[in-house]
Amino acid sequence: MRLFRIAALSLSAAVVAAAAAHAADAPAVPAAGAPAPAFSLTSNEGKPVSLADYKGKWVVLYFYPKDFTSGCTLEAHNFQRDLAQYEADNAVILGVSIDTAKSHEDFCAKEGLRFKLLSDPDAKVSTTYGSTMQHEGQTYSARNTFLIDPTGKIAKVYTGVKPASHSEEVLAALKELQAKKAS
């Protein structure tokens, strides 16, 4: 029994060390104040979309794991519910996941989403934004959001967000940041 416990502890230590090594290799989440990394991805409309397309606007760039799942659907519905408020505040919403553009098209149609979802099938942009996770051997986009100002700088970063209240949280921060810039 003692030998079994020693083996189990050794295995646990190896798993922790491997996870730490993987985390050390993963790119860090870009910090507030840093320039937002440029990207170009295919949208749910089948067209290329780049960050540069939105210069002069606020951008809510949110990463999420998977179309048609409960948390991702809830988060998307809440962004859609608040879309008119974002638009009134000169902001666009861009969702990013590893799903295909066709999956995004179907997800938008089924859920009535009127903002763009971007396909990152090789997770390159998700990785650049430090927004990947592993689940059962698969890489997915992690639930992180970047509020990017009209000059292309990251104004606020959210990691490990809660889908139910996230849109309200981002909208409040957007209004606060805009008020600070105006004064």
N, C-alpha and C. Protein backbone atom coordinates (compact mmCIF):
# COMPACT_ATOMS: atom_id res chain seq x y z
N MET A 1 0.83 -1.18 0.00
CA MET A 1 0.00 0.00 0.00
C MET A 1 0.88 1.26 0.00
N ARG A 2 1.95 1.25 0.81
CA ARG A 2 2.85 2.40 0.86
C ARG A 2 3.50 2.63 -0.50
N LEU A 3 3.88 1.58 -1.19
CA LEU A 3 4.48 1.70 -2.51
C LEU A 3 3.48 2.33 -3.48
N PHE A 4 2.22 1.94 -3.37
CA PHE A 4 1.17 2.50 -4.22
C PHE A 4 1.05 4.01 -4.00
N ARG A 5 1.06 4.46 -2.74
CA ARG A 5 0.96 5.89 -2.43
C ARG A 5 2.15 6.65 -2.98
N ILE A 6 3.33 6.09 -2.87
CA ILE A 6 4.54 6.74 -3.40
C ILE A 6 4.44 6.87 -4.92
N ALA A 7 3.98 5.81 -5.58
CA ALA A 7 3.80 5.85 -7.04
C ALA A 7 2.76 6.89 -7.43
N ALA A 8 1.65 6.95 -6.68
CA ALA A 8 0.60 7.93 -6.97
C ALA A 8 1.11 9.35 -6.79
N LEU A 9 1.89 9.59 -5.73
CA LEU A 9 2.46 10.92 -5.50
C LEU A 9 3.44 11.29 -6.61
N SER A 10 4.24 10.33 -7.04
CA SER A 10 5.20 10.58 -8.12
C SER A 10 4.48 10.93 -9.41
N LEU A 11 3.40 10.20 -9.69
CA LEU A 11 2.61 10.47 -10.90
C LEU A 11 1.97 11.85 -10.81
N SER A 12 1.41 12.19 -9.66
CA SER A 12 0.80 13.52 -9.47
C SER A 12 1.83 14.61 -9.68
N ALA A 13 3.01 14.44 -9.15
CA ALA A 13 4.08 15.43 -9.30
C ALA A 13 4.46 15.58 -10.77
N ALA A 14 4.51 14.47 -11.50
CA ALA A 14 4.85 14.51 -12.92
C ALA A 14 3.78 15.26 -13.71
N VAL A 15 2.51 15.02 -13.39
CA VAL A 15 1.42 15.71 -14.08
C VAL A 15 1.48 17.21 -13.80
N VAL A 16 1.71 17.59 -12.55
CA VAL A 16 1.81 19.00 -12.19
C VAL A 16 3.00 19.64 -12.92
N ALA A 17 4.12 18.96 -12.96
CA ALA A 17 5.30 19.49 -13.64
C ALA A 17 5.05 19.66 -15.14
N ALA A 18 4.38 18.69 -15.75
CA ALA A 18 4.06 18.77 -17.18
C ALA A 18 3.11 19.94 -17.45
N ALA A 19 2.12 20.10 -16.60
CA ALA A 19 1.17 21.21 -16.76
C ALA A 19 1.88 22.55 -16.60
N ALA A 20 2.78 22.63 -15.65
CA ALA A 20 3.53 23.87 -15.43
C ALA A 20 4.43 24.18 -16.63
N ALA A 21 5.05 23.14 -17.18
CA ALA A 21 5.90 23.33 -18.35
C ALA A 21 5.08 23.80 -19.54
N HIS A 22 3.89 23.19 -19.73
CA HIS A 22 3.01 23.60 -20.82
C HIS A 22 2.56 25.04 -20.62
N ALA A 23 2.21 25.42 -19.40
CA ALA A 23 1.77 26.79 -19.11
C ALA A 23 2.92 27.77 -19.37
N ALA A 24 4.14 27.36 -19.05
CA ALA A 24 5.29 28.24 -19.27
C ALA A 24 5.53 28.46 -20.76
N ASP A 25 5.21 27.45 -21.60
CA ASP A 25 5.39 27.56 -23.04
C ASP A 25 4.27 28.36 -23.69
N ALA A 26 3.09 28.42 -23.07
CA ALA A 26 1.95 29.10 -23.65
C ALA A 26 2.16 30.61 -23.61
N PRO A 27 1.78 31.30 -24.69
CA PRO A 27 1.91 32.75 -24.68
C PRO A 27 1.05 33.38 -23.58
N ALA A 28 1.54 34.45 -23.02
CA ALA A 28 0.80 35.14 -21.97
C ALA A 28 -0.36 35.92 -22.58
N VAL A 29 -1.34 36.18 -21.76
CA VAL A 29 -2.47 37.01 -22.17
C VAL A 29 -1.92 38.44 -22.32
N PRO A 30 -2.18 39.08 -23.47
CA PRO A 30 -1.71 40.47 -23.63
C PRO A 30 -2.32 41.37 -22.54
N ALA A 31 -1.53 42.30 -22.05
CA ALA A 31 -1.95 43.15 -20.94
C ALA A 31 -2.68 44.40 -21.43
N ALA A 32 -3.49 44.96 -20.54
CA ALA A 32 -4.12 46.25 -20.82
C ALA A 32 -3.02 47.27 -21.06
N GLY A 33 -3.20 48.11 -22.06
CA GLY A 33 -2.21 49.11 -22.43
C GLY A 33 -1.34 48.70 -23.60
N ALA A 34 -1.29 47.39 -23.86
CA ALA A 34 -0.48 46.88 -24.98
C ALA A 34 -1.27 47.02 -26.29
N PRO A 35 -0.55 47.12 -27.41
CA PRO A 35 -1.26 47.10 -28.69
C PRO A 35 -1.94 45.74 -28.87
N ALA A 36 -3.16 45.75 -29.37
CA ALA A 36 -3.86 44.48 -29.63
C ALA A 36 -3.20 43.79 -30.82
N PRO A 37 -2.88 42.51 -30.69
CA PRO A 37 -2.28 41.80 -31.82
C PRO A 37 -3.20 41.80 -33.04
N ALA A 38 -2.61 42.09 -34.19
CA ALA A 38 -3.37 42.11 -35.45
C ALA A 38 -3.81 40.69 -35.80
N PHE A 39 -4.91 40.61 -36.54
CA PHE A 39 -5.39 39.30 -37.01
C PHE A 39 -6.27 39.49 -38.23
N SER A 40 -6.45 38.41 -38.97
CA SER A 40 -7.43 38.34 -40.04
C SER A 40 -7.98 36.92 -40.01
N LEU A 41 -9.30 36.81 -39.83
CA LEU A 41 -9.98 35.51 -39.75
C LEU A 41 -11.23 35.53 -40.61
N THR A 42 -11.73 34.37 -40.96
CA THR A 42 -12.95 34.26 -41.75
C THR A 42 -14.17 34.34 -40.84
N SER A 43 -15.14 35.15 -41.26
CA SER A 43 -16.35 35.34 -40.45
C SER A 43 -17.42 34.32 -40.80
N ASN A 44 -18.50 34.36 -40.02
CA ASN A 44 -19.67 33.52 -40.28
C ASN A 44 -20.28 33.83 -41.65
N GLU A 45 -19.93 34.97 -42.23
CA GLU A 45 -20.42 35.35 -43.57
C GLU A 45 -19.47 34.85 -44.66
N GLY A 46 -18.38 34.17 -44.27
CA GLY A 46 -17.43 33.64 -45.24
C GLY A 46 -16.45 34.68 -45.76
N LYS A 47 -16.37 35.84 -45.11
CA LYS A 47 -15.50 36.92 -45.56
C LYS A 47 -14.38 37.16 -44.54
N PRO A 48 -13.21 37.61 -45.02
CA PRO A 48 -12.13 37.92 -44.08
C PRO A 48 -12.46 39.16 -43.25
N VAL A 49 -12.11 39.09 -41.98
CA VAL A 49 -12.31 40.21 -41.05
C VAL A 49 -10.99 40.41 -40.32
N SER A 50 -10.54 41.65 -40.25
CA SER A 50 -9.31 41.93 -39.51
C SER A 50 -9.59 43.00 -38.47
N LEU A 51 -8.74 43.06 -37.47
CA LEU A 51 -8.85 44.07 -36.43
C LEU A 51 -8.75 45.46 -37.05
N ALA A 52 -7.89 45.62 -38.05
CA ALA A 52 -7.70 46.91 -38.71
C ALA A 52 -8.99 47.45 -39.33
N ASP A 53 -9.92 46.57 -39.67
CA ASP A 53 -11.21 46.99 -40.24
C ASP A 53 -11.99 47.88 -39.27
N TYR A 54 -11.66 47.81 -37.98
CA TYR A 54 -12.44 48.49 -36.95
C TYR A 54 -11.68 49.63 -36.27
N LYS A 55 -10.60 50.10 -36.91
CA LYS A 55 -9.87 51.24 -36.35
C LYS A 55 -10.83 52.41 -36.23
N GLY A 56 -10.80 53.07 -35.07
CA GLY A 56 -11.73 54.16 -34.81
C GLY A 56 -12.96 53.73 -34.04
N LYS A 57 -13.10 52.42 -33.81
CA LYS A 57 -14.21 51.89 -33.02
C LYS A 57 -13.66 51.12 -31.83
N TRP A 58 -14.47 50.99 -30.81
CA TRP A 58 -14.18 50.09 -29.71
C TRP A 58 -14.50 48.67 -30.19
N VAL A 59 -13.68 47.71 -29.80
CA VAL A 59 -13.91 46.32 -30.19
C VAL A 59 -13.98 45.45 -28.94
N VAL A 60 -15.06 44.68 -28.85
CA VAL A 60 -15.19 43.65 -27.82
C VAL A 60 -14.80 42.36 -28.51
N LEU A 61 -13.58 41.90 -28.26
CA LEU A 61 -13.07 40.67 -28.87
C LEU A 61 -13.18 39.57 -27.83
N TYR A 62 -14.18 38.69 -28.02
CA TYR A 62 -14.37 37.65 -27.01
C TYR A 62 -14.11 36.28 -27.59
N PHE A 63 -13.37 35.49 -26.84
CA PHE A 63 -13.02 34.12 -27.21
C PHE A 63 -13.92 33.19 -26.41
N TYR A 64 -14.39 32.14 -27.06
CA TYR A 64 -15.27 31.17 -26.40
C TYR A 64 -14.99 29.78 -26.95
N PRO A 65 -15.30 28.74 -26.17
CA PRO A 65 -14.91 27.39 -26.57
C PRO A 65 -15.62 26.79 -27.78
N LYS A 66 -16.97 26.84 -27.82
CA LYS A 66 -17.64 26.02 -28.84
C LYS A 66 -19.05 26.52 -29.13
N ASP A 67 -19.39 26.60 -30.42
CA ASP A 67 -20.75 26.91 -30.83
C ASP A 67 -21.72 25.86 -30.29
N PHE A 68 -22.94 26.28 -30.06
CA PHE A 68 -24.06 25.41 -29.67
C PHE A 68 -23.92 24.76 -28.30
N THR A 69 -23.02 25.24 -27.46
CA THR A 69 -22.94 24.73 -26.09
C THR A 69 -23.63 25.73 -25.16
N SER A 70 -24.04 25.26 -24.00
CA SER A 70 -24.90 26.09 -23.14
C SER A 70 -24.26 27.41 -22.71
N GLY A 71 -23.04 27.37 -22.18
CA GLY A 71 -22.40 28.60 -21.72
C GLY A 71 -22.11 29.56 -22.85
N CYS A 72 -21.67 29.03 -23.98
CA CYS A 72 -21.34 29.87 -25.13
C CYS A 72 -22.61 30.49 -25.73
N THR A 73 -23.69 29.72 -25.74
CA THR A 73 -24.96 30.23 -26.24
C THR A 73 -25.48 31.34 -25.34
N LEU A 74 -25.41 31.14 -24.03
CA LEU A 74 -25.85 32.16 -23.08
C LEU A 74 -25.05 33.45 -23.25
N GLU A 75 -23.73 33.32 -23.35
CA GLU A 75 -22.87 34.50 -23.52
C GLU A 75 -23.22 35.23 -24.81
N ALA A 76 -23.39 34.50 -25.91
CA ALA A 76 -23.74 35.10 -27.20
C ALA A 76 -25.10 35.79 -27.13
N HIS A 77 -26.10 35.14 -26.52
CA HIS A 77 -27.43 35.75 -26.37
C HIS A 77 -27.35 37.07 -25.62
N ASN A 78 -26.54 37.12 -24.58
CA ASN A 78 -26.42 38.35 -23.79
C ASN A 78 -25.73 39.46 -24.57
N PHE A 79 -24.72 39.12 -25.36
CA PHE A 79 -24.11 40.13 -26.22
C PHE A 79 -25.13 40.62 -27.26
N GLN A 80 -25.91 39.69 -27.81
CA GLN A 80 -26.94 40.07 -28.78
C GLN A 80 -28.00 40.96 -28.12
N ARG A 81 -28.43 40.61 -26.93
CA ARG A 81 -29.42 41.40 -26.19
C ARG A 81 -28.94 42.85 -26.02
N ASP A 82 -27.64 43.03 -25.78
CA ASP A 82 -27.08 44.35 -25.51
C ASP A 82 -26.46 45.01 -26.74
N LEU A 83 -26.61 44.39 -27.90
CA LEU A 83 -25.93 44.87 -29.11
C LEU A 83 -26.24 46.33 -29.43
N ALA A 84 -27.48 46.76 -29.32
CA ALA A 84 -27.84 48.15 -29.63
C ALA A 84 -27.10 49.13 -28.71
N GLN A 85 -26.90 48.75 -27.45
CA GLN A 85 -26.16 49.62 -26.53
C GLN A 85 -24.69 49.71 -26.93
N TYR A 86 -24.12 48.58 -27.33
CA TYR A 86 -22.73 48.60 -27.79
C TYR A 86 -22.60 49.49 -29.03
N GLU A 87 -23.51 49.30 -29.98
CA GLU A 87 -23.46 50.08 -31.21
C GLU A 87 -23.61 51.58 -30.92
N ALA A 88 -24.49 51.93 -29.98
CA ALA A 88 -24.67 53.34 -29.60
C ALA A 88 -23.40 53.91 -28.98
N ASP A 89 -22.57 53.04 -28.41
CA ASP A 89 -21.30 53.46 -27.81
C ASP A 89 -20.11 53.26 -28.76
N ASN A 90 -20.38 53.17 -30.08
CA ASN A 90 -19.33 53.04 -31.09
C ASN A 90 -18.48 51.78 -30.90
N ALA A 91 -19.14 50.68 -30.52
CA ALA A 91 -18.42 49.43 -30.30
C ALA A 91 -18.99 48.31 -31.17
N VAL A 92 -18.11 47.40 -31.57
CA VAL A 92 -18.51 46.19 -32.29
C VAL A 92 -18.15 44.99 -31.44
N ILE A 93 -18.88 43.91 -31.64
CA ILE A 93 -18.61 42.66 -30.94
C ILE A 93 -18.11 41.65 -31.96
N LEU A 94 -16.99 41.02 -31.65
CA LEU A 94 -16.43 39.95 -32.47
C LEU A 94 -16.17 38.75 -31.59
N GLY A 95 -16.83 37.63 -31.89
CA GLY A 95 -16.60 36.39 -31.16
C GLY A 95 -15.64 35.51 -31.92
N VAL A 96 -14.76 34.81 -31.21
CA VAL A 96 -13.76 33.95 -31.85
C VAL A 96 -13.77 32.58 -31.18
N SER A 97 -13.83 31.53 -32.01
CA SER A 97 -13.63 30.17 -31.52
C SER A 97 -12.96 29.35 -32.62
N ILE A 98 -12.62 28.11 -32.31
CA ILE A 98 -11.96 27.25 -33.29
C ILE A 98 -12.96 26.63 -34.27
N ASP A 99 -14.25 26.87 -34.07
CA ASP A 99 -15.26 26.32 -34.97
C ASP A 99 -15.09 26.86 -36.39
N THR A 100 -15.65 26.16 -37.36
CA THR A 100 -15.57 26.58 -38.76
C THR A 100 -16.49 27.77 -39.01
N ALA A 101 -16.24 28.45 -40.11
CA ALA A 101 -17.12 29.55 -40.52
C ALA A 101 -18.54 29.04 -40.75
N LYS A 102 -18.67 27.83 -41.28
CA LYS A 102 -20.00 27.23 -41.51
C LYS A 102 -20.71 26.98 -40.18
N SER A 103 -20.01 26.47 -39.19
CA SER A 103 -20.60 26.28 -37.86
C SER A 103 -21.06 27.61 -37.30
N HIS A 104 -20.23 28.65 -37.47
CA HIS A 104 -20.60 30.00 -37.01
C HIS A 104 -21.85 30.50 -37.74
N GLU A 105 -21.90 30.26 -39.04
CA GLU A 105 -23.07 30.68 -39.83
C GLU A 105 -24.33 30.01 -39.28
N ASP A 106 -24.25 28.72 -39.04
CA ASP A 106 -25.40 27.97 -38.51
C ASP A 106 -25.77 28.43 -37.10
N PHE A 107 -24.77 28.68 -36.27
CA PHE A 107 -24.99 29.14 -34.90
C PHE A 107 -25.69 30.51 -34.91
N CYS A 108 -25.20 31.43 -35.74
CA CYS A 108 -25.81 32.76 -35.83
C CYS A 108 -27.26 32.66 -36.32
N ALA A 109 -27.50 31.82 -37.31
CA ALA A 109 -28.86 31.66 -37.85
C ALA A 109 -29.79 31.08 -36.80
N LYS A 110 -29.36 30.03 -36.12
CA LYS A 110 -30.21 29.37 -35.13
C LYS A 110 -30.48 30.26 -33.93
N GLU A 111 -29.49 31.02 -33.49
CA GLU A 111 -29.60 31.81 -32.27
C GLU A 111 -29.95 33.28 -32.51
N GLY A 112 -30.10 33.68 -33.77
CA GLY A 112 -30.47 35.06 -34.07
C GLY A 112 -29.39 36.07 -33.75
N LEU A 113 -28.15 35.71 -33.96
CA LEU A 113 -27.02 36.59 -33.65
C LEU A 113 -26.73 37.50 -34.84
N ARG A 114 -26.57 38.79 -34.59
CA ARG A 114 -26.32 39.76 -35.66
C ARG A 114 -24.93 40.39 -35.56
N PHE A 115 -24.05 39.79 -34.82
CA PHE A 115 -22.66 40.26 -34.79
C PHE A 115 -21.78 39.15 -35.37
N LYS A 116 -20.56 39.50 -35.71
CA LYS A 116 -19.69 38.56 -36.40
C LYS A 116 -19.04 37.56 -35.44
N LEU A 117 -19.00 36.31 -35.90
CA LEU A 117 -18.23 35.25 -35.24
C LEU A 117 -17.11 34.87 -36.19
N LEU A 118 -15.91 34.75 -35.67
CA LEU A 118 -14.73 34.52 -36.49
C LEU A 118 -14.16 33.13 -36.23
N SER A 119 -13.78 32.47 -37.32
CA SER A 119 -13.26 31.11 -37.27
C SER A 119 -11.74 31.11 -37.13
N ASP A 120 -11.26 30.43 -36.08
CA ASP A 120 -9.83 30.32 -35.80
C ASP A 120 -9.48 28.83 -35.72
N PRO A 121 -9.63 28.08 -36.84
CA PRO A 121 -9.55 26.61 -36.78
C PRO A 121 -8.20 26.06 -36.33
N ASP A 122 -7.12 26.80 -36.55
CA ASP A 122 -5.80 26.33 -36.11
C ASP A 122 -5.39 26.96 -34.78
N ALA A 123 -6.30 27.75 -34.18
CA ALA A 123 -6.10 28.39 -32.88
C ALA A 123 -4.92 29.36 -32.84
N LYS A 124 -4.47 29.85 -33.99
CA LYS A 124 -3.32 30.77 -34.00
C LYS A 124 -3.65 32.10 -33.32
N VAL A 125 -4.81 32.67 -33.63
CA VAL A 125 -5.17 33.95 -33.01
C VAL A 125 -5.48 33.74 -31.54
N SER A 126 -6.19 32.67 -31.24
CA SER A 126 -6.48 32.35 -29.83
C SER A 126 -5.18 32.22 -29.04
N THR A 127 -4.19 31.58 -29.62
CA THR A 127 -2.89 31.40 -28.97
C THR A 127 -2.19 32.75 -28.80
N THR A 128 -2.21 33.58 -29.84
CA THR A 128 -1.59 34.90 -29.77
C THR A 128 -2.18 35.73 -28.62
N TYR A 129 -3.48 35.55 -28.38
CA TYR A 129 -4.15 36.27 -27.31
C TYR A 129 -4.11 35.50 -25.98
N GLY A 130 -3.29 34.45 -25.90
CA GLY A 130 -3.18 33.68 -24.65
C GLY A 130 -4.51 33.08 -24.24
N SER A 131 -5.32 32.72 -25.23
CA SER A 131 -6.70 32.29 -24.97
C SER A 131 -7.00 30.90 -25.52
N THR A 132 -6.16 29.93 -25.13
CA THR A 132 -6.45 28.54 -25.49
C THR A 132 -6.53 27.70 -24.23
N MET A 133 -7.20 26.58 -24.39
CA MET A 133 -7.29 25.61 -23.29
C MET A 133 -7.35 24.22 -23.91
N GLN A 134 -7.04 23.24 -23.11
CA GLN A 134 -7.09 21.85 -23.53
C GLN A 134 -8.24 21.15 -22.83
N HIS A 135 -8.97 20.33 -23.57
CA HIS A 135 -10.03 19.52 -22.97
C HIS A 135 -10.09 18.20 -23.73
N GLU A 136 -9.84 17.14 -23.00
CA GLU A 136 -9.86 15.78 -23.58
C GLU A 136 -9.00 15.69 -24.84
N GLY A 137 -7.80 16.29 -24.76
CA GLY A 137 -6.84 16.20 -25.87
C GLY A 137 -7.10 17.17 -27.02
N GLN A 138 -8.14 17.98 -26.92
CA GLN A 138 -8.48 18.95 -27.96
C GLN A 138 -8.11 20.35 -27.50
N THR A 139 -7.71 21.20 -28.43
CA THR A 139 -7.47 22.61 -28.13
C THR A 139 -8.73 23.39 -28.46
N TYR A 140 -9.13 24.24 -27.54
CA TYR A 140 -10.29 25.12 -27.72
C TYR A 140 -9.87 26.54 -27.37
N SER A 141 -10.67 27.50 -27.82
CA SER A 141 -10.48 28.87 -27.36
C SER A 141 -10.97 28.96 -25.93
N ALA A 142 -10.23 29.64 -25.09
CA ALA A 142 -10.60 29.84 -23.68
C ALA A 142 -11.52 31.05 -23.57
N ARG A 143 -12.34 31.07 -22.55
CA ARG A 143 -13.33 32.14 -22.37
C ARG A 143 -12.67 33.40 -21.80
N ASN A 144 -12.05 34.19 -22.70
CA ASN A 144 -11.40 35.45 -22.35
C ASN A 144 -11.94 36.55 -23.26
N THR A 145 -11.91 37.77 -22.78
CA THR A 145 -12.39 38.91 -23.57
C THR A 145 -11.40 40.06 -23.47
N PHE A 146 -11.25 40.76 -24.59
CA PHE A 146 -10.38 41.92 -24.69
C PHE A 146 -11.20 43.09 -25.18
N LEU A 147 -11.22 44.16 -24.41
CA LEU A 147 -11.87 45.39 -24.82
C LEU A 147 -10.77 46.26 -25.41
N ILE A 148 -10.90 46.54 -26.70
CA ILE A 148 -9.85 47.23 -27.46
C ILE A 148 -10.35 48.64 -27.81
N ASP A 149 -9.53 49.63 -27.53
CA ASP A 149 -9.96 51.02 -27.76
C ASP A 149 -9.84 51.38 -29.24
N PRO A 150 -10.36 52.55 -29.63
CA PRO A 150 -10.36 52.93 -31.05
C PRO A 150 -8.98 53.11 -31.67
N THR A 151 -7.93 53.23 -30.87
CA THR A 151 -6.57 53.35 -31.41
C THR A 151 -5.91 51.98 -31.57
N GLY A 152 -6.59 50.91 -31.14
CA GLY A 152 -6.03 49.57 -31.27
C GLY A 152 -5.27 49.08 -30.06
N LYS A 153 -5.40 49.77 -28.93
CA LYS A 153 -4.76 49.32 -27.69
C LYS A 153 -5.77 48.56 -26.84
N ILE A 154 -5.27 47.57 -26.12
CA ILE A 154 -6.12 46.81 -25.21
C ILE A 154 -6.42 47.69 -24.00
N ALA A 155 -7.70 47.94 -23.77
CA ALA A 155 -8.10 48.80 -22.67
C ALA A 155 -8.43 48.00 -21.41
N LYS A 156 -8.93 46.78 -21.60
CA LYS A 156 -9.30 45.95 -20.45
C LYS A 156 -9.25 44.49 -20.87
N VAL A 157 -8.86 43.62 -19.94
CA VAL A 157 -8.75 42.18 -20.18
C VAL A 157 -9.60 41.44 -19.16
N TYR A 158 -10.35 40.47 -19.64
CA TYR A 158 -11.14 39.59 -18.77
C TYR A 158 -10.72 38.16 -19.06
N THR A 159 -10.34 37.43 -18.01
CA THR A 159 -10.00 36.02 -18.18
C THR A 159 -10.97 35.17 -17.37
N GLY A 160 -11.25 33.98 -17.89
CA GLY A 160 -12.13 33.04 -17.19
C GLY A 160 -13.48 33.64 -16.85
N VAL A 161 -14.11 34.28 -17.83
CA VAL A 161 -15.34 35.04 -17.57
C VAL A 161 -16.54 34.14 -17.26
N LYS A 162 -17.52 34.73 -16.62
CA LYS A 162 -18.79 34.07 -16.31
C LYS A 162 -19.79 34.50 -17.38
N PRO A 163 -20.27 33.58 -18.21
CA PRO A 163 -21.14 33.94 -19.34
C PRO A 163 -22.41 34.70 -18.95
N ALA A 164 -23.01 34.38 -17.83
CA ALA A 164 -24.31 34.95 -17.47
C ALA A 164 -24.26 36.46 -17.27
N SER A 165 -23.17 36.99 -16.73
CA SER A 165 -23.11 38.42 -16.40
C SER A 165 -22.06 39.18 -17.21
N HIS A 166 -21.43 38.52 -18.14
CA HIS A 166 -20.27 39.11 -18.80
C HIS A 166 -20.60 40.32 -19.68
N SER A 167 -21.65 40.26 -20.45
CA SER A 167 -21.97 41.38 -21.33
C SER A 167 -22.21 42.65 -20.52
N GLU A 168 -22.96 42.54 -19.43
CA GLU A 168 -23.22 43.72 -18.59
C GLU A 168 -21.91 44.28 -18.02
N GLU A 169 -21.02 43.38 -17.62
CA GLU A 169 -19.72 43.76 -17.07
C GLU A 169 -18.89 44.55 -18.11
N VAL A 170 -18.86 44.04 -19.34
CA VAL A 170 -18.09 44.69 -20.40
C VAL A 170 -18.72 46.03 -20.77
N LEU A 171 -20.04 46.06 -20.87
CA LEU A 171 -20.74 47.29 -21.22
C LEU A 171 -20.49 48.39 -20.17
N ALA A 172 -20.51 48.03 -18.91
CA ALA A 172 -20.23 49.00 -17.83
C ALA A 172 -18.79 49.52 -17.94
N ALA A 173 -17.85 48.63 -18.21
CA ALA A 173 -16.45 49.05 -18.35
C ALA A 173 -16.28 49.94 -19.57
N LEU A 174 -16.95 49.62 -20.65
CA LEU A 174 -16.88 50.43 -21.86
C LEU A 174 -17.34 51.86 -21.56
N LYS A 175 -18.47 51.99 -20.89
CA LYS A 175 -19.00 53.33 -20.56
C LYS A 175 -18.03 54.08 -19.64
N GLU A 176 -17.46 53.38 -18.68
CA GLU A 176 -16.50 53.99 -17.75
C GLU A 176 -15.24 54.46 -18.48
N LEU A 177 -14.71 53.62 -19.36
CA LEU A 177 -13.51 53.97 -20.11
C LEU A 177 -13.77 55.15 -21.05
N GLN A 178 -14.94 55.15 -21.68
CA GLN A 178 -15.28 56.25 -22.57
C GLN A 178 -15.42 57.57 -21.80
N ALA A 179 -16.00 57.50 -20.60
CA ALA A 179 -16.15 58.70 -19.77
C ALA A 179 -14.78 59.24 -19.37
N LYS A 180 -13.82 58.35 -19.05
CA LYS A 180 -12.47 58.77 -18.67
C LYS A 180 -11.77 59.45 -19.86
N LYS A 181 -11.95 58.88 -21.06
CA LYS A 181 -11.30 59.46 -22.25
C LYS A 181 -11.90 60.81 -22.60
N ALA A 182 -13.19 60.99 -22.29
CA ALA A 182 -13.88 62.25 -22.62
C ALA A 182 -13.47 63.38 -21.67
N SER A 183 -13.05 63.02 -20.46
CA SER A 183 -12.71 64.08 -19.48
C SER A 183 -11.27 64.48 -19.52
